[in-house]
Every structure is written in C-alpha cells, then in structure tokens.
Amino acid sequence: MIFDDVVRIGVITGAHGLDGRVKVFIISDIRDRFSKGTKILVSGERGTGVFEIVQFVEQKGRNALLRLDSVTDRDKALSLKGSSLFIDKTVAEKTRKDYLDDDSFYYYELIGCKAYINDALFGDVTEVIEAGAGNIIIIRDLSGKDIMVPFVESMVDTARIKKGRLDINPVEGLFDS
C-alpha cells in the first residue's frame, strides 16, 4: 500500500505488556480510523512502515491500546515509541459524508491555507496543535516567523476554507512581542 498523502491520527507513547501492544495517544476525533484491518503508516526516528491494525482498545481520554500485525513482542513495541500514526488521505476523505456536514472540515484542511488579516496576506497555516484549553493554529508569517493563534471562532473565520483561505481577526496585542 502506497500512501501518497497522509493524515496524522495518533502517536505511539509506549509499550503495554509483553505481547507487542502499543500505547497510543489519539489525535483523530474519528475512532473508526482505528478499526481492525485498517492499514496505517507508522513513522518515527527508527524508520517508516505500513502495518495493519489487529486490535484497538479505547482507554480513558484520548488514550488507547493498539495491536499491530508483525509487532509481537515488547522490544518491537518499544522501538516504535514516539512514532506517528498516519492514514492515507483518501481513506480519511471517504469518511467525510459520514462525519461532516457541508460547512464543516477536517483540521488537516487548515494546513496550507493562506491566512489574511484585513484582506492582506499574513502567512500560511503550517500546523494545528491540540492544547489543553483549545486548539491553536501555527501561521508562518511572511518573514518566516511562526505565530500561534488560538483557533476560536472570534479570531479565525473559516468561511472561505474551501478556497484555501482563513481570515484572522486578532485581539489587540496578540502579535506584540
């Protein structure tokens, strides 16, 4: 299976037990992405590989246990610690009609959007971070500096996201250093 374009759905945080299960921090809001038989890309410092999900056990909060084919012992599971889990974007898009209404979007669609302030180009969205109090978007401004902007309706207008555009309405002092 070749992944042309990917969507990050989780991070392996450790091993669980002796039989190869891994602990996962779930990034995706769609738990079906972890269904038995799903092919995922696992990528980390020690390399990249495609695995099939054999078992998914949801735990408290955004934590879960995952059993992957060919990961059969604790050492192999530990070697994957810190790796990110991805699905092919075409797989993610197949769930759009089941999980989103016409005015909604997946967070990965924010990446690459042009950010504007008062109709002037400000920069590009490079990342979405899930923080404790809410999500934050990272915008690389025209000078190359990364700016953190709270992803709240009062500051980020997503009405033109399908055109690759976000309009930013910063509160006074947000961009002061």
N, C-alpha and C. Protein backbone atom coordinates (compact mmCIF):
# COMPACT_ATOMS: atom_id res chain seq x y z
N MET A 1 0.85 -1.18 0.00
CA MET A 1 0.00 0.00 0.00
C MET A 1 0.89 1.23 0.00
N ILE A 2 0.66 2.12 -0.92
CA ILE A 2 1.44 3.35 -1.01
C ILE A 2 0.57 4.49 -0.49
N PHE A 3 1.17 5.32 0.37
CA PHE A 3 0.47 6.48 0.91
C PHE A 3 0.98 7.71 0.17
N ASP A 4 0.13 8.30 -0.67
CA ASP A 4 0.54 9.49 -1.40
C ASP A 4 0.49 10.74 -0.54
N ASP A 5 -0.56 10.85 0.23
CA ASP A 5 -0.76 12.00 1.09
C ASP A 5 -1.39 11.47 2.37
N VAL A 6 -0.92 11.91 3.52
CA VAL A 6 -1.34 11.28 4.77
C VAL A 6 -1.99 12.26 5.73
N VAL A 7 -2.72 11.67 6.69
CA VAL A 7 -3.35 12.41 7.77
C VAL A 7 -2.89 11.76 9.07
N ARG A 8 -2.34 12.55 9.96
CA ARG A 8 -1.85 12.04 11.24
C ARG A 8 -3.04 11.78 12.16
N ILE A 9 -3.07 10.56 12.76
CA ILE A 9 -4.20 10.19 13.61
C ILE A 9 -3.79 9.86 15.04
N GLY A 10 -2.49 9.70 15.29
CA GLY A 10 -2.07 9.35 16.64
C GLY A 10 -0.56 9.29 16.78
N VAL A 11 -0.14 9.06 18.03
CA VAL A 11 1.28 8.94 18.36
C VAL A 11 1.45 7.76 19.32
N ILE A 12 2.44 6.92 19.07
CA ILE A 12 2.73 5.81 19.97
C ILE A 12 3.52 6.36 21.15
N THR A 13 2.98 6.13 22.35
CA THR A 13 3.60 6.69 23.56
C THR A 13 4.37 5.65 24.38
N GLY A 14 4.24 4.37 24.02
CA GLY A 14 4.96 3.35 24.76
C GLY A 14 4.45 1.96 24.44
N ALA A 15 4.97 0.99 25.19
CA ALA A 15 4.55 -0.41 25.04
C ALA A 15 3.63 -0.76 26.20
N HIS A 16 2.79 -1.77 25.97
CA HIS A 16 1.89 -2.24 27.02
C HIS A 16 2.00 -3.76 27.07
N GLY A 17 2.50 -4.27 28.16
CA GLY A 17 2.64 -5.71 28.31
C GLY A 17 3.82 -6.25 27.54
N LEU A 18 3.83 -7.57 27.39
CA LEU A 18 4.96 -8.26 26.76
C LEU A 18 4.66 -8.73 25.34
N ASP A 19 3.38 -8.62 24.92
CA ASP A 19 2.99 -9.24 23.64
C ASP A 19 2.95 -8.29 22.45
N GLY A 20 3.52 -7.09 22.58
CA GLY A 20 3.63 -6.20 21.43
C GLY A 20 2.59 -5.12 21.31
N ARG A 21 1.66 -5.05 22.23
CA ARG A 21 0.69 -3.95 22.14
C ARG A 21 1.39 -2.63 22.41
N VAL A 22 0.90 -1.57 21.77
CA VAL A 22 1.46 -0.23 21.97
C VAL A 22 0.39 0.67 22.57
N LYS A 23 0.87 1.62 23.37
CA LYS A 23 0.00 2.67 23.90
C LYS A 23 -0.02 3.78 22.87
N VAL A 24 -1.20 4.34 22.65
CA VAL A 24 -1.37 5.37 21.63
C VAL A 24 -2.10 6.57 22.21
N PHE A 25 -1.62 7.77 21.87
CA PHE A 25 -2.37 9.00 22.13
C PHE A 25 -3.09 9.31 20.83
N ILE A 26 -4.42 9.37 20.89
CA ILE A 26 -5.25 9.55 19.71
C ILE A 26 -5.38 11.04 19.38
N ILE A 27 -5.11 11.38 18.15
CA ILE A 27 -5.27 12.77 17.69
C ILE A 27 -6.60 12.93 16.97
N SER A 28 -7.02 11.92 16.25
CA SER A 28 -8.25 11.97 15.47
C SER A 28 -9.49 11.92 16.36
N ASP A 29 -10.52 12.61 15.96
CA ASP A 29 -11.81 12.53 16.66
C ASP A 29 -12.64 11.35 16.15
N ILE A 30 -12.17 10.71 15.09
CA ILE A 30 -12.92 9.63 14.47
C ILE A 30 -12.27 8.30 14.85
N ARG A 31 -12.87 7.62 15.79
CA ARG A 31 -12.31 6.37 16.30
C ARG A 31 -12.36 5.24 15.26
N ASP A 32 -13.25 5.35 14.29
CA ASP A 32 -13.33 4.33 13.23
C ASP A 32 -12.04 4.23 12.43
N ARG A 33 -11.21 5.23 12.50
CA ARG A 33 -9.93 5.19 11.78
C ARG A 33 -8.99 4.15 12.38
N PHE A 34 -9.35 3.61 13.55
CA PHE A 34 -8.55 2.60 14.21
C PHE A 34 -9.21 1.21 14.13
N SER A 35 -10.11 1.04 13.20
CA SER A 35 -10.83 -0.23 13.07
C SER A 35 -9.89 -1.36 12.67
N LYS A 36 -10.24 -2.55 13.12
CA LYS A 36 -9.49 -3.76 12.76
C LYS A 36 -9.41 -3.86 11.24
N GLY A 37 -8.21 -4.14 10.76
CA GLY A 37 -8.00 -4.27 9.31
C GLY A 37 -7.52 -3.00 8.63
N THR A 38 -7.58 -1.87 9.32
CA THR A 38 -7.13 -0.61 8.73
C THR A 38 -5.62 -0.62 8.56
N LYS A 39 -5.16 -0.18 7.41
CA LYS A 39 -3.73 -0.05 7.14
C LYS A 39 -3.29 1.35 7.58
N ILE A 40 -2.21 1.38 8.37
CA ILE A 40 -1.68 2.66 8.83
C ILE A 40 -0.19 2.73 8.53
N LEU A 41 0.28 3.94 8.38
CA LEU A 41 1.70 4.21 8.22
C LEU A 41 2.24 4.61 9.58
N VAL A 42 3.30 3.94 10.02
CA VAL A 42 3.94 4.26 11.29
C VAL A 42 5.30 4.84 10.94
N SER A 43 5.54 6.07 11.39
CA SER A 43 6.78 6.74 11.02
C SER A 43 7.41 7.39 12.24
N GLY A 44 8.70 7.09 12.44
CA GLY A 44 9.43 7.65 13.57
C GLY A 44 10.91 7.68 13.29
N GLU A 45 11.69 7.90 14.34
CA GLU A 45 13.14 8.01 14.21
C GLU A 45 13.78 6.73 13.67
N ARG A 46 13.19 5.60 13.96
CA ARG A 46 13.77 4.32 13.54
C ARG A 46 13.25 3.83 12.19
N GLY A 47 12.51 4.67 11.50
CA GLY A 47 12.03 4.29 10.17
C GLY A 47 10.53 4.40 10.01
N THR A 48 10.09 3.92 8.87
CA THR A 48 8.70 4.00 8.48
C THR A 48 8.24 2.64 7.97
N GLY A 49 7.03 2.28 8.32
CA GLY A 49 6.48 1.03 7.83
C GLY A 49 4.97 1.05 7.82
N VAL A 50 4.40 0.17 7.03
CA VAL A 50 2.95 0.05 6.95
C VAL A 50 2.53 -1.18 7.76
N PHE A 51 1.54 -0.97 8.62
CA PHE A 51 1.04 -2.03 9.49
C PHE A 51 -0.47 -2.11 9.35
N GLU A 52 -1.00 -3.26 9.72
CA GLU A 52 -2.45 -3.43 9.78
C GLU A 52 -2.87 -3.48 11.24
N ILE A 53 -3.95 -2.79 11.55
CA ILE A 53 -4.46 -2.81 12.92
C ILE A 53 -5.16 -4.15 13.16
N VAL A 54 -4.73 -4.85 14.22
CA VAL A 54 -5.30 -6.13 14.59
C VAL A 54 -6.30 -5.96 15.73
N GLN A 55 -6.02 -5.00 16.63
CA GLN A 55 -6.92 -4.78 17.77
C GLN A 55 -6.79 -3.33 18.22
N PHE A 56 -7.91 -2.75 18.62
CA PHE A 56 -7.96 -1.39 19.16
C PHE A 56 -8.80 -1.42 20.42
N VAL A 57 -8.22 -0.98 21.54
CA VAL A 57 -8.93 -0.92 22.81
C VAL A 57 -8.84 0.51 23.32
N GLU A 58 -9.98 1.19 23.32
CA GLU A 58 -10.00 2.57 23.80
C GLU A 58 -9.88 2.59 25.31
N GLN A 59 -9.13 3.55 25.82
CA GLN A 59 -8.96 3.71 27.25
C GLN A 59 -9.48 5.09 27.66
N LYS A 60 -9.06 5.59 28.78
CA LYS A 60 -9.54 6.87 29.29
C LYS A 60 -9.02 8.03 28.44
N GLY A 61 -9.88 9.00 28.21
CA GLY A 61 -9.49 10.20 27.47
C GLY A 61 -9.14 9.87 26.02
N ARG A 62 -7.99 10.33 25.59
CA ARG A 62 -7.54 10.12 24.21
C ARG A 62 -6.51 9.00 24.12
N ASN A 63 -6.50 8.12 25.09
CA ASN A 63 -5.53 7.03 25.12
C ASN A 63 -6.17 5.73 24.66
N ALA A 64 -5.34 4.87 24.06
CA ALA A 64 -5.82 3.58 23.59
C ALA A 64 -4.66 2.60 23.55
N LEU A 65 -5.00 1.33 23.44
CA LEU A 65 -4.03 0.28 23.19
C LEU A 65 -4.26 -0.23 21.78
N LEU A 66 -3.18 -0.50 21.09
CA LEU A 66 -3.26 -0.93 19.70
C LEU A 66 -2.37 -2.13 19.49
N ARG A 67 -2.89 -3.12 18.80
CA ARG A 67 -2.08 -4.27 18.40
C ARG A 67 -1.93 -4.18 16.88
N LEU A 68 -0.69 -4.21 16.43
CA LEU A 68 -0.38 -4.13 15.00
C LEU A 68 0.17 -5.48 14.53
N ASP A 69 -0.18 -5.84 13.29
CA ASP A 69 0.37 -7.09 12.76
C ASP A 69 1.90 -6.98 12.74
N SER A 70 2.57 -8.03 12.97
CA SER A 70 4.03 -8.16 12.97
C SER A 70 4.73 -7.47 14.14
N VAL A 71 3.97 -6.89 15.06
CA VAL A 71 4.56 -6.36 16.30
C VAL A 71 4.12 -7.34 17.39
N THR A 72 5.03 -8.27 17.73
CA THR A 72 4.63 -9.38 18.58
C THR A 72 5.35 -9.44 19.91
N ASP A 73 6.24 -8.49 20.17
CA ASP A 73 6.92 -8.51 21.47
C ASP A 73 7.17 -7.08 21.96
N ARG A 74 7.50 -6.97 23.23
CA ARG A 74 7.69 -5.68 23.87
C ARG A 74 8.82 -4.87 23.23
N ASP A 75 9.91 -5.53 22.86
CA ASP A 75 11.03 -4.81 22.26
C ASP A 75 10.62 -4.11 20.97
N LYS A 76 9.89 -4.80 20.11
CA LYS A 76 9.42 -4.20 18.87
C LYS A 76 8.46 -3.05 19.17
N ALA A 77 7.58 -3.25 20.14
CA ALA A 77 6.63 -2.19 20.52
C ALA A 77 7.39 -0.97 21.04
N LEU A 78 8.39 -1.19 21.89
CA LEU A 78 9.19 -0.07 22.42
C LEU A 78 9.96 0.65 21.33
N SER A 79 10.38 -0.07 20.29
CA SER A 79 11.12 0.57 19.20
C SER A 79 10.26 1.54 18.42
N LEU A 80 8.94 1.43 18.56
CA LEU A 80 8.01 2.32 17.85
C LEU A 80 7.62 3.55 18.68
N LYS A 81 8.05 3.59 19.93
CA LYS A 81 7.70 4.71 20.81
C LYS A 81 8.11 6.04 20.17
N GLY A 82 7.20 6.99 20.19
CA GLY A 82 7.43 8.30 19.60
C GLY A 82 7.03 8.40 18.14
N SER A 83 6.72 7.27 17.53
CA SER A 83 6.32 7.27 16.12
C SER A 83 4.91 7.83 15.96
N SER A 84 4.69 8.48 14.83
CA SER A 84 3.37 8.99 14.49
C SER A 84 2.63 7.97 13.65
N LEU A 85 1.31 7.95 13.79
CA LEU A 85 0.45 7.06 13.02
C LEU A 85 -0.31 7.88 11.99
N PHE A 86 -0.34 7.38 10.77
CA PHE A 86 -0.98 8.10 9.67
C PHE A 86 -1.90 7.15 8.91
N ILE A 87 -2.95 7.72 8.33
CA ILE A 87 -3.75 7.00 7.35
C ILE A 87 -3.65 7.77 6.04
N ASP A 88 -3.93 7.09 4.96
CA ASP A 88 -3.94 7.73 3.66
C ASP A 88 -5.08 8.74 3.62
N LYS A 89 -4.83 9.89 3.05
CA LYS A 89 -5.85 10.94 2.98
C LYS A 89 -7.10 10.47 2.23
N THR A 90 -6.94 9.59 1.25
CA THR A 90 -8.12 9.10 0.54
C THR A 90 -9.03 8.30 1.46
N VAL A 91 -8.44 7.60 2.44
CA VAL A 91 -9.24 6.88 3.44
C VAL A 91 -9.99 7.88 4.31
N ALA A 92 -9.30 8.95 4.72
CA ALA A 92 -9.94 9.98 5.54
C ALA A 92 -11.09 10.64 4.79
N GLU A 93 -10.89 10.90 3.52
CA GLU A 93 -11.92 11.56 2.73
C GLU A 93 -13.18 10.71 2.58
N LYS A 94 -13.03 9.40 2.61
CA LYS A 94 -14.20 8.51 2.50
C LYS A 94 -15.14 8.66 3.68
N THR A 95 -14.64 9.16 4.81
CA THR A 95 -15.49 9.33 5.99
C THR A 95 -16.18 10.69 6.04
N ARG A 96 -15.84 11.56 5.11
CA ARG A 96 -16.38 12.93 5.13
C ARG A 96 -17.91 12.95 5.20
N LYS A 97 -18.57 12.21 4.35
CA LYS A 97 -20.05 12.25 4.32
C LYS A 97 -20.67 11.67 5.58
N ASP A 98 -19.94 10.77 6.26
CA ASP A 98 -20.47 10.15 7.47
C ASP A 98 -20.29 11.02 8.72
N TYR A 99 -19.28 11.90 8.71
CA TYR A 99 -18.95 12.63 9.93
C TYR A 99 -19.07 14.15 9.83
N LEU A 100 -19.12 14.69 8.63
CA LEU A 100 -19.14 16.15 8.50
C LEU A 100 -20.35 16.63 7.72
N ASP A 101 -20.87 17.80 8.13
CA ASP A 101 -21.90 18.42 7.32
C ASP A 101 -21.20 19.30 6.28
N ASP A 102 -21.97 19.93 5.41
CA ASP A 102 -21.39 20.67 4.29
C ASP A 102 -20.50 21.84 4.71
N ASP A 103 -20.77 22.44 5.87
CA ASP A 103 -20.00 23.60 6.30
C ASP A 103 -18.82 23.23 7.20
N SER A 104 -18.61 21.95 7.45
CA SER A 104 -17.54 21.51 8.34
C SER A 104 -16.31 21.08 7.54
N PHE A 105 -15.21 20.85 8.27
CA PHE A 105 -13.96 20.48 7.62
C PHE A 105 -13.12 19.69 8.60
N TYR A 106 -12.15 18.98 8.06
CA TYR A 106 -11.17 18.30 8.88
C TYR A 106 -10.05 19.29 9.18
N TYR A 107 -9.43 19.14 10.35
CA TYR A 107 -8.34 20.04 10.72
C TYR A 107 -7.19 20.00 9.73
N TYR A 108 -6.93 18.85 9.11
CA TYR A 108 -5.82 18.81 8.17
C TYR A 108 -6.05 19.73 6.97
N GLU A 109 -7.29 20.11 6.73
CA GLU A 109 -7.58 21.03 5.62
C GLU A 109 -7.11 22.45 5.92
N LEU A 110 -6.83 22.74 7.19
CA LEU A 110 -6.31 24.05 7.55
C LEU A 110 -4.86 24.23 7.12
N ILE A 111 -4.11 23.12 7.11
CA ILE A 111 -2.69 23.17 6.77
C ILE A 111 -2.55 23.61 5.32
N GLY A 112 -1.74 24.63 5.11
CA GLY A 112 -1.53 25.15 3.77
C GLY A 112 -2.44 26.30 3.39
N CYS A 113 -3.47 26.57 4.20
CA CYS A 113 -4.34 27.70 3.91
C CYS A 113 -3.56 29.01 4.03
N LYS A 114 -3.92 29.95 3.22
CA LYS A 114 -3.36 31.30 3.31
C LYS A 114 -4.13 32.04 4.39
N ALA A 115 -3.39 32.72 5.26
CA ALA A 115 -4.01 33.50 6.34
C ALA A 115 -3.96 34.98 5.98
N TYR A 116 -5.08 35.64 6.13
CA TYR A 116 -5.20 37.06 5.80
C TYR A 116 -5.64 37.83 7.03
N ILE A 117 -5.12 39.05 7.15
CA ILE A 117 -5.59 40.00 8.15
C ILE A 117 -5.97 41.26 7.40
N ASN A 118 -7.23 41.68 7.55
CA ASN A 118 -7.75 42.86 6.85
C ASN A 118 -7.48 42.78 5.35
N ASP A 119 -7.74 41.62 4.77
CA ASP A 119 -7.56 41.34 3.33
C ASP A 119 -6.12 41.40 2.84
N ALA A 120 -5.16 41.48 3.74
CA ALA A 120 -3.75 41.45 3.36
C ALA A 120 -3.17 40.09 3.74
N LEU A 121 -2.43 39.49 2.82
CA LEU A 121 -1.82 38.20 3.11
C LEU A 121 -0.88 38.33 4.30
N PHE A 122 -1.07 37.45 5.28
CA PHE A 122 -0.26 37.46 6.50
C PHE A 122 0.72 36.29 6.53
N GLY A 123 0.30 35.12 6.02
CA GLY A 123 1.16 33.95 6.03
C GLY A 123 0.40 32.69 5.69
N ASP A 124 1.02 31.53 6.00
CA ASP A 124 0.44 30.23 5.71
C ASP A 124 0.27 29.43 6.99
N VAL A 125 -0.83 28.70 7.08
CA VAL A 125 -1.04 27.81 8.23
C VAL A 125 -0.15 26.58 8.04
N THR A 126 0.68 26.30 9.05
CA THR A 126 1.62 25.17 8.94
C THR A 126 1.28 24.02 9.87
N GLU A 127 0.48 24.29 10.91
CA GLU A 127 0.23 23.24 11.89
C GLU A 127 -1.00 23.57 12.72
N VAL A 128 -1.66 22.53 13.22
CA VAL A 128 -2.74 22.68 14.19
C VAL A 128 -2.31 21.90 15.42
N ILE A 129 -2.31 22.58 16.57
CA ILE A 129 -1.88 21.95 17.83
C ILE A 129 -3.08 21.85 18.75
N GLU A 130 -3.26 20.66 19.31
CA GLU A 130 -4.32 20.47 20.28
C GLU A 130 -3.75 20.80 21.65
N ALA A 131 -4.22 21.88 22.24
CA ALA A 131 -3.75 22.32 23.55
C ALA A 131 -4.84 22.04 24.58
N GLY A 132 -4.49 22.12 25.84
CA GLY A 132 -5.44 21.81 26.89
C GLY A 132 -6.71 22.64 26.86
N ALA A 133 -6.58 23.93 26.65
CA ALA A 133 -7.73 24.82 26.69
C ALA A 133 -8.41 24.98 25.33
N GLY A 134 -7.82 24.46 24.29
CA GLY A 134 -8.37 24.59 22.95
C GLY A 134 -7.29 24.40 21.92
N ASN A 135 -7.66 24.46 20.67
CA ASN A 135 -6.70 24.26 19.60
C ASN A 135 -6.02 25.57 19.21
N ILE A 136 -4.82 25.42 18.69
CA ILE A 136 -4.01 26.57 18.26
C ILE A 136 -3.56 26.29 16.84
N ILE A 137 -3.63 27.31 15.98
CA ILE A 137 -3.04 27.16 14.65
C ILE A 137 -1.72 27.91 14.64
N ILE A 138 -0.77 27.34 13.91
CA ILE A 138 0.53 27.98 13.74
C ILE A 138 0.54 28.57 12.34
N ILE A 139 0.81 29.86 12.27
CA ILE A 139 0.89 30.55 10.99
C ILE A 139 2.33 31.02 10.81
N ARG A 140 2.93 30.64 9.69
CA ARG A 140 4.26 31.14 9.35
C ARG A 140 4.03 32.44 8.59
N ASP A 141 4.41 33.56 9.22
CA ASP A 141 4.16 34.85 8.59
C ASP A 141 5.11 35.06 7.42
N LEU A 142 4.95 36.17 6.72
CA LEU A 142 5.72 36.43 5.50
C LEU A 142 7.21 36.58 5.76
N SER A 143 7.59 36.86 7.02
CA SER A 143 9.02 36.98 7.35
C SER A 143 9.61 35.62 7.77
N GLY A 144 8.76 34.59 7.85
CA GLY A 144 9.22 33.26 8.23
C GLY A 144 9.08 32.94 9.71
N LYS A 145 8.49 33.84 10.46
CA LYS A 145 8.29 33.64 11.89
C LYS A 145 7.00 32.87 12.13
N ASP A 146 7.04 31.89 13.05
CA ASP A 146 5.84 31.13 13.40
C ASP A 146 5.06 31.86 14.47
N ILE A 147 3.79 32.07 14.21
CA ILE A 147 2.88 32.79 15.10
C ILE A 147 1.79 31.83 15.56
N MET A 148 1.54 31.80 16.87
CA MET A 148 0.48 30.95 17.42
C MET A 148 -0.80 31.78 17.55
N VAL A 149 -1.89 31.23 17.01
CA VAL A 149 -3.18 31.91 17.05
C VAL A 149 -4.21 30.94 17.62
N PRO A 150 -4.90 31.34 18.68
CA PRO A 150 -5.97 30.47 19.21
C PRO A 150 -7.01 30.20 18.12
N PHE A 151 -7.35 28.95 17.94
CA PHE A 151 -8.33 28.59 16.92
C PHE A 151 -9.73 28.69 17.51
N VAL A 152 -10.18 29.92 17.61
CA VAL A 152 -11.51 30.21 18.14
C VAL A 152 -12.27 31.02 17.09
N GLU A 153 -13.56 30.83 17.08
CA GLU A 153 -14.42 31.45 16.07
C GLU A 153 -14.28 32.97 16.01
N SER A 154 -14.09 33.60 17.17
CA SER A 154 -13.99 35.06 17.18
C SER A 154 -12.70 35.57 16.53
N MET A 155 -11.68 34.72 16.40
CA MET A 155 -10.42 35.16 15.81
C MET A 155 -10.12 34.55 14.45
N VAL A 156 -10.68 33.38 14.15
CA VAL A 156 -10.37 32.71 12.90
C VAL A 156 -11.68 32.44 12.15
N ASP A 157 -11.82 33.10 11.02
CA ASP A 157 -13.00 32.93 10.17
C ASP A 157 -12.68 31.87 9.12
N THR A 158 -13.40 30.77 9.16
CA THR A 158 -13.16 29.66 8.24
C THR A 158 -14.15 29.61 7.08
N ALA A 159 -14.89 30.68 6.86
CA ALA A 159 -15.93 30.69 5.83
C ALA A 159 -15.39 30.40 4.43
N ARG A 160 -14.11 30.73 4.18
CA ARG A 160 -13.54 30.53 2.85
C ARG A 160 -12.48 29.41 2.82
N ILE A 161 -12.60 28.47 3.74
CA ILE A 161 -11.60 27.40 3.81
C ILE A 161 -11.55 26.57 2.53
N LYS A 162 -12.68 26.38 1.87
CA LYS A 162 -12.69 25.60 0.63
C LYS A 162 -11.90 26.29 -0.48
N LYS A 163 -11.64 27.58 -0.31
CA LYS A 163 -10.80 28.33 -1.25
C LYS A 163 -9.37 28.46 -0.74
N GLY A 164 -9.08 27.76 0.37
CA GLY A 164 -7.72 27.79 0.91
C GLY A 164 -7.38 29.07 1.65
N ARG A 165 -8.39 29.70 2.23
CA ARG A 165 -8.20 30.99 2.88
C ARG A 165 -8.81 31.01 4.28
N LEU A 166 -8.06 31.57 5.23
CA LEU A 166 -8.57 31.87 6.57
C LEU A 166 -8.42 33.36 6.79
N ASP A 167 -9.42 33.96 7.39
CA ASP A 167 -9.32 35.37 7.76
C ASP A 167 -9.12 35.46 9.26
N ILE A 168 -8.04 36.11 9.66
CA ILE A 168 -7.66 36.21 11.06
C ILE A 168 -8.09 37.57 11.59
N ASN A 169 -8.77 37.57 12.72
CA ASN A 169 -9.22 38.79 13.40
C ASN A 169 -8.58 38.80 14.78
N PRO A 170 -7.30 39.17 14.87
CA PRO A 170 -6.60 39.06 16.15
C PRO A 170 -7.10 40.05 17.19
N VAL A 171 -7.07 39.63 18.44
CA VAL A 171 -7.36 40.57 19.52
C VAL A 171 -6.16 41.50 19.66
N GLU A 172 -6.40 42.66 20.18
CA GLU A 172 -5.34 43.65 20.31
C GLU A 172 -4.19 43.08 21.17
N GLY A 173 -2.98 43.21 20.68
CA GLY A 173 -1.80 42.77 21.40
C GLY A 173 -1.36 41.34 21.12
N LEU A 174 -2.15 40.58 20.34
CA LEU A 174 -1.82 39.17 20.08
C LEU A 174 -0.45 39.01 19.43
N PHE A 175 -0.12 39.89 18.50
CA PHE A 175 1.13 39.75 17.76
C PHE A 175 2.25 40.62 18.30
N ASP A 176 2.03 41.27 19.44
CA ASP A 176 3.09 42.08 20.05
C ASP A 176 4.11 41.16 20.68
N SER A 177 5.37 41.50 20.54
CA SER A 177 6.43 40.67 21.12
C SER A 177 6.80 41.11 22.51
